């Protein structure tokens, strides 16, 4: 039982330390993806004009 509590505590610590950087990375990636989409739409609009 004690071993299970230690493992759960370690997993909790790893998640607490690792989650914020992962969230920041995902937001940055989503922003970059959106910028590429907008850039592509503008490029297509210019080529059609």
N, C-alpha and C. Protein backbone atom coordinates (compact mmCIF):
# COMPACT_ATOMS: atom_id res chain seq x y z
N UNK A 1 0.83 -1.20 0.00
CA UNK A 1 0.00 0.00 0.00
C UNK A 1 0.87 1.27 0.00
N UNK A 2 1.93 1.23 0.80
CA UNK A 2 2.83 2.39 0.86
C UNK A 2 3.50 2.60 -0.50
N UNK A 3 3.88 1.51 -1.15
CA UNK A 3 4.52 1.62 -2.46
C UNK A 3 3.59 2.27 -3.47
N UNK A 4 2.33 1.92 -3.39
CA UNK A 4 1.34 2.50 -4.30
C UNK A 4 1.22 4.01 -4.07
N UNK A 5 1.23 4.43 -2.82
CA UNK A 5 1.14 5.86 -2.50
C UNK A 5 2.37 6.60 -3.00
N UNK A 6 3.54 5.98 -2.88
CA UNK A 6 4.78 6.61 -3.36
C UNK A 6 4.72 6.76 -4.87
N UNK A 7 4.29 5.73 -5.57
CA UNK A 7 4.20 5.79 -7.03
C UNK A 7 3.21 6.86 -7.47
N UNK A 8 2.06 6.92 -6.82
CA UNK A 8 1.06 7.94 -7.15
C UNK A 8 1.60 9.33 -6.89
N UNK A 9 2.35 9.50 -5.79
CA UNK A 9 2.95 10.80 -5.48
C UNK A 9 3.97 11.20 -6.54
N UNK A 10 4.79 10.26 -6.96
CA UNK A 10 5.81 10.55 -7.98
C UNK A 10 5.13 10.92 -9.30
N UNK A 11 4.12 10.18 -9.68
CA UNK A 11 3.38 10.50 -10.91
C UNK A 11 2.76 11.89 -10.82
N UNK A 12 2.20 12.22 -9.66
CA UNK A 12 1.62 13.55 -9.47
C UNK A 12 2.66 14.65 -9.60
N UNK A 13 3.84 14.44 -9.03
CA UNK A 13 4.91 15.43 -9.14
C UNK A 13 5.37 15.60 -10.58
N UNK A 14 5.54 14.50 -11.28
CA UNK A 14 5.97 14.57 -12.68
C UNK A 14 4.94 15.32 -13.51
N UNK A 15 3.67 15.04 -13.29
CA UNK A 15 2.62 15.75 -14.03
C UNK A 15 2.58 17.23 -13.67
N UNK A 16 2.75 17.54 -12.39
CA UNK A 16 2.72 18.94 -11.96
C UNK A 16 3.88 19.73 -12.55
N UNK A 17 5.03 19.10 -12.68
CA UNK A 17 6.20 19.79 -13.24
C UNK A 17 6.14 19.83 -14.76
N UNK A 18 5.65 18.78 -15.39
CA UNK A 18 5.69 18.68 -16.84
C UNK A 18 4.53 19.29 -17.58
N UNK A 19 3.39 19.46 -16.94
CA UNK A 19 2.20 19.93 -17.64
C UNK A 19 2.29 21.38 -18.11
N UNK A 20 2.73 22.34 -17.28
CA UNK A 20 2.77 23.74 -17.76
C UNK A 20 3.62 23.95 -19.01
N UNK A 21 4.84 23.39 -19.08
CA UNK A 21 5.60 23.56 -20.33
C UNK A 21 4.91 22.93 -21.54
N UNK A 22 4.25 21.81 -21.33
CA UNK A 22 3.54 21.15 -22.42
C UNK A 22 2.39 22.02 -22.91
N UNK A 23 1.66 22.63 -21.99
CA UNK A 23 0.56 23.51 -22.38
C UNK A 23 1.09 24.72 -23.15
N UNK A 24 2.21 25.29 -22.69
CA UNK A 24 2.81 26.43 -23.40
C UNK A 24 3.23 26.03 -24.81
N UNK A 25 3.84 24.86 -24.94
CA UNK A 25 4.27 24.37 -26.25
C UNK A 25 3.06 24.20 -27.17
N UNK A 26 1.98 23.61 -26.67
CA UNK A 26 0.80 23.39 -27.50
C UNK A 26 0.17 24.70 -27.94
N UNK A 27 0.12 25.69 -27.06
CA UNK A 27 -0.43 27.00 -27.44
C UNK A 27 0.43 27.66 -28.51
N UNK A 28 1.75 27.57 -28.35
CA UNK A 28 2.66 28.15 -29.34
C UNK A 28 2.48 27.45 -30.69
N UNK A 29 2.37 26.14 -30.67
CA UNK A 29 2.19 25.37 -31.90
C UNK A 29 0.88 25.74 -32.58
N UNK A 30 -0.20 25.89 -31.80
CA UNK A 30 -1.49 26.26 -32.37
C UNK A 30 -1.44 27.65 -32.97
N UNK A 31 -0.75 28.58 -32.30
CA UNK A 31 -0.63 29.94 -32.84
C UNK A 31 0.17 29.93 -34.14
N UNK A 32 1.23 29.15 -34.18
CA UNK A 32 2.02 29.05 -35.41
C UNK A 32 1.20 28.45 -36.54
N UNK A 33 0.43 27.43 -36.24
CA UNK A 33 -0.41 26.78 -37.24
C UNK A 33 -1.44 27.76 -37.78
N UNK A 34 -2.06 28.54 -36.90
CA UNK A 34 -3.04 29.52 -37.34
C UNK A 34 -2.38 30.58 -38.22
N UNK A 35 -1.18 31.00 -37.87
CA UNK A 35 -0.47 32.00 -38.68
C UNK A 35 -0.16 31.44 -40.07
N UNK A 36 0.21 30.18 -40.16
CA UNK A 36 0.47 29.57 -41.47
C UNK A 36 -0.80 29.49 -42.30
N UNK A 37 -1.91 29.20 -41.67
CA UNK A 37 -3.19 29.12 -42.40
C UNK A 37 -3.56 30.49 -42.94
N UNK A 38 -3.45 31.52 -42.11
CA UNK A 38 -3.78 32.88 -42.56
C UNK A 38 -2.84 33.30 -43.68
N UNK A 39 -1.57 32.98 -43.54
CA UNK A 39 -0.60 33.32 -44.57
C UNK A 39 -0.95 32.65 -45.90
N UNK A 40 -1.35 31.39 -45.84
CA UNK A 40 -1.74 30.68 -47.06
C UNK A 40 -2.98 31.27 -47.70
N UNK A 41 -3.95 31.65 -46.89
CA UNK A 41 -5.18 32.27 -47.43
C UNK A 41 -4.85 33.60 -48.09
N UNK A 42 -4.00 34.40 -47.46
CA UNK A 42 -3.62 35.69 -48.05
C UNK A 42 -2.85 35.49 -49.35
N UNK A 43 -1.96 34.50 -49.37
CA UNK A 43 -1.19 34.22 -50.59
C UNK A 43 -2.12 33.80 -51.72
N UNK A 44 -3.11 32.97 -51.42
CA UNK A 44 -4.06 32.53 -52.43
C UNK A 44 -4.91 33.70 -52.92
N UNK A 45 -5.32 34.58 -52.01
CA UNK A 45 -6.13 35.74 -52.41
C UNK A 45 -5.32 36.66 -53.33
N UNK A 46 -4.03 36.84 -53.01
CA UNK A 46 -3.19 37.68 -53.86
C UNK A 46 -3.01 37.08 -55.25
N UNK A 47 -2.87 35.78 -55.31
CA UNK A 47 -2.66 35.15 -56.61
C UNK A 47 -3.92 35.19 -57.47
N UNK A 48 -5.08 35.21 -56.85
CA UNK A 48 -6.33 35.28 -57.60
C UNK A 48 -6.69 36.70 -58.02
N UNK A 49 -6.12 37.69 -57.36
CA UNK A 49 -6.47 39.09 -57.65
C UNK A 49 -5.80 39.58 -58.92
